[in-house]
Each structure stands twice: as C-alpha cells, then as structure tokens.
C-alpha atoms as a PDB file:
ATOM      1  CA  UNK A   1       0.053  -0.058   0.010  1.00  0.00           C
ATOM      2  CA  UNK A   2       1.375   3.500  -0.864  1.00  0.00           C
ATOM      3  CA  UNK A   3       1.111   5.979   2.052  1.00  0.00           C
ATOM      4  CA  UNK A   4       1.618   9.652   1.185  1.00  0.00           C
ATOM      5  CA  UNK A   5       2.580  11.933   4.259  1.00  0.00           C
ATOM      6  CA  UNK A   6       2.752  15.592   4.188  1.00  0.00           C
ATOM      7  CA  UNK A   7       5.462  16.686   6.510  1.00  0.00           C
ATOM      8  CA  UNK A   8       7.075  19.757   7.934  1.00  0.00           C
ATOM      9  CA  UNK A   9      10.648  20.827   8.026  1.00  0.00           C
ATOM     10  CA  UNK A  10      12.118  19.162   4.697  1.00  0.00           C
ATOM     11  CA  UNK A  11      14.657  21.620   3.640  1.00  0.00           C
ATOM     12  CA  UNK A  12      17.251  19.797   1.474  1.00  0.00           C
ATOM     13  CA  UNK A  13      18.615  16.396   0.186  1.00  0.00           C
ATOM     14  CA  UNK A  14      20.011  15.900   3.658  1.00  0.00           C
ATOM     15  CA  UNK A  15      16.526  15.710   5.140  1.00  0.00           C
ATOM     16  CA  UNK A  16      15.513  13.525   2.436  1.00  0.00           C
ATOM     17  CA  UNK A  17      18.350  11.182   3.021  1.00  0.00           C
ATOM     18  CA  UNK A  18      17.568  10.979   6.700  1.00  0.00           C
ATOM     19  CA  UNK A  19      13.991  10.261   6.010  1.00  0.00           C
ATOM     20  CA  UNK A  20      14.813   7.514   3.416  1.00  0.00           C
ATOM     21  CA  UNK A  21      17.279   5.938   5.826  1.00  0.00           C
ATOM     22  CA  UNK A  22      15.041   6.013   8.853  1.00  0.00           C
ATOM     23  CA  UNK A  23      11.754   4.958   7.240  1.00  0.00           C
ATOM     24  CA  UNK A  24      13.662   2.264   5.085  1.00  0.00           C
ATOM     25  CA  UNK A  25      14.853   0.461   8.281  1.00  0.00           C
ATOM     26  CA  UNK A  26      11.217  -0.207   9.430  1.00  0.00           C
ATOM     27  CA  UNK A  27       9.736  -3.770   8.906  1.00  0.00           C
ATOM     28  CA  UNK A  28       7.261  -3.865   5.995  1.00  0.00           C
ATOM     29  CA  UNK A  29       8.626  -0.838   4.191  1.00  0.00           C
ATOM     30  CA  UNK A  30       9.515  -1.629   0.604  1.00  0.00           C
ATOM     31  CA  UNK A  31      10.169   1.814  -0.911  1.00  0.00           C
ATOM     32  CA  UNK A  32      10.545   5.560   0.404  1.00  0.00           C
ATOM     33  CA  UNK A  33      10.723   8.624  -1.826  1.00  0.00           C
ATOM     34  CA  UNK A  34      10.655  12.335  -0.735  1.00  0.00           C
ATOM     35  CA  UNK A  35       9.437  15.340  -2.800  1.00  0.00           C
ATOM     36  CA  UNK A  36      11.467  18.070  -0.984  1.00  0.00           C
ATOM     37  CA  UNK A  37       9.603  20.859  -2.938  1.00  0.00           C
ATOM     38  CA  UNK A  38       6.087  19.436  -1.939  1.00  0.00           C
ATOM     39  CA  UNK A  39       7.161  18.240   1.437  1.00  0.00           C
ATOM     40  CA  UNK A  40       5.740  14.898   0.769  1.00  0.00           C
ATOM     41  CA  UNK A  41       6.995  11.476   1.721  1.00  0.00           C
ATOM     42  CA  UNK A  42       5.716   8.643  -0.236  1.00  0.00           C
ATOM     43  CA  UNK A  43       6.061   5.127   1.351  1.00  0.00           C
ATOM     44  CA  UNK A  44       5.366   1.588  -0.077  1.00  0.00           C
ATOM     45  CA  UNK A  45       4.566  -0.405   3.014  1.00  0.00           C
ATOM     46  CA  UNK A  46       2.097  -2.628   4.699  1.00  0.00           C
ATOM     47  CA  UNK A  47      -1.504  -1.542   5.296  1.00  0.00           C
ATOM     48  CA  UNK A  48      -1.260  -1.146   9.068  1.00  0.00           C
ATOM     49  CA  UNK A  49       1.986   0.859   9.085  1.00  0.00           C
ATOM     50  CA  UNK A  50       0.958   4.583   8.677  1.00  0.00           C
ATOM     51  CA  UNK A  51       1.026   5.348  12.317  1.00  0.00           C
ATOM     52  CA  UNK A  52       4.473   4.000  12.800  1.00  0.00           C
ATOM     53  CA  UNK A  53       5.650   5.956   9.845  1.00  0.00           C
ATOM     54  CA  UNK A  54       4.176   9.136  11.208  1.00  0.00           C
ATOM     55  CA  UNK A  55       5.716   8.536  14.723  1.00  0.00           C
ATOM     56  CA  UNK A  56       9.207   7.703  13.118  1.00  0.00           C
ATOM     57  CA  UNK A  57       9.012  10.875  11.057  1.00  0.00           C
ATOM     58  CA  UNK A  58       7.994  12.985  14.157  1.00  0.00           C
ATOM     59  CA  UNK A  59      10.978  11.435  16.173  1.00  0.00           C
ATOM     60  CA  UNK A  60      13.180  12.639  13.432  1.00  0.00           C
ATOM     61  CA  UNK A  61      12.004  16.005  13.417  1.00  0.00           C
ATOM     62  CA  UNK A  62       9.662  15.887  10.465  1.00  0.00           C
ATOM     63  CA  UNK A  63       6.026  15.898  11.929  1.00  0.00           C
ATOM     64  CA  UNK A  64       2.934  15.466   9.786  1.00  0.00           C
ATOM     65  CA  UNK A  65       1.679  18.837   8.659  1.00  0.00           C
ATOM     66  CA  UNK A  66      -0.687  20.317  11.101  1.00  0.00           C
ATOM     67  CA  UNK A  67       0.073  18.166  14.023  1.00  0.00           C
ATOM     68  CA  UNK A  68       2.824  20.030  15.767  1.00  0.00           C
ATOM     69  CA  UNK A  69       2.362  23.336  17.392  1.00  0.00           C
ATOM     70  CA  UNK A  70       4.173  25.583  19.959  1.00  0.00           C
ATOM     71  CA  UNK A  71       6.933  23.865  21.814  1.00  0.00           C
ATOM     72  CA  UNK A  72       6.383  20.706  20.083  1.00  0.00           C
ATOM     73  CA  UNK A  73       6.867  22.306  16.650  1.00  0.00           C
ATOM     74  CA  UNK A  74      10.111  23.974  17.948  1.00  0.00           C
ATOM     75  CA  UNK A  75      11.515  20.702  19.324  1.00  0.00           C
ATOM     76  CA  UNK A  76      10.594  19.057  16.045  1.00  0.00           C
ATOM     77  CA  UNK A  77      12.481  21.941  14.145  1.00  0.00           C
ATOM     78  CA  UNK A  78      15.474  21.418  16.200  1.00  0.00           C
ATOM     79  CA  UNK A  79      15.474  17.876  15.648  1.00  0.00           C
ATOM     80  CA  UNK A  80      15.297  18.261  11.859  1.00  0.00           C
ATOM     81  CA  UNK A  81      18.476  20.430  11.851  1.00  0.00           C
ATOM     82  CA  UNK A  82      20.252  17.550  13.392  1.00  0.00           C
ATOM     83  CA  UNK A  83      18.664  15.052  11.129  1.00  0.00           C
ATOM     84  CA  UNK A  84      19.486  17.231   8.222  1.00  0.00           C
ATOM     85  CA  UNK A  85      23.341  17.479   9.110  1.00  0.00           C
ATOM     86  CA  UNK A  86      23.253  13.714   9.655  1.00  0.00           C
ATOM     87  CA  UNK A  87      21.776  13.160   6.271  1.00  0.00           C
ATOM     88  CA  UNK A  88      24.149  15.285   4.515  1.00  0.00           C
ATOM     89  CA  UNK A  89      27.038  13.255   5.976  1.00  0.00           C
ATOM     90  CA  UNK A  90      25.601   9.932   5.229  1.00  0.00           C
END
C-alpha cells in the first residue's frame, strides 16, 4: 500500500536522505521517496504501518503537517536540523 504523508521541516537533500534511511529500516517498508519541494513523503509499506511511519518521522524532526504546534513544533524543528546534518554526511 502506498502512504503519502505531508510533513514539515524538509529543507534539502540531507533531510530527504535521513527520512529515506530512517523509514527504510522499518519492517514492512519496501520503498521510500521524498518530494522536497512539496514536503511529501511517499512510502510503499504494509497496510497498518501508517501510524509507525508518522511516529518515526516525528521522532526524526519531520512531523505530519498540522500536528505539531508551539513547543512541540520548536522541538521538531531543532531535531530536523540535526537530522538534516546527519543526512548530508551519510
């Protein structure tokens, strides 16, 4: 099943690399692609995996659009900077 998730904080290829690497390690995930310009993550995975995908994105600093506000959004943005840097190195 294809899951399309609109996320926040995707800025560059480093962010995309981190997302592909993190989600690609999850069980049941066959393929991950990231559209940086649109802020969308497309994942081929098992039917019941959407919640796990969303949680993994949040933990990496890329919350689903409209789900993080205030301090939660600030924390996600800070995490995304770190994830972005790691993605550039990888």
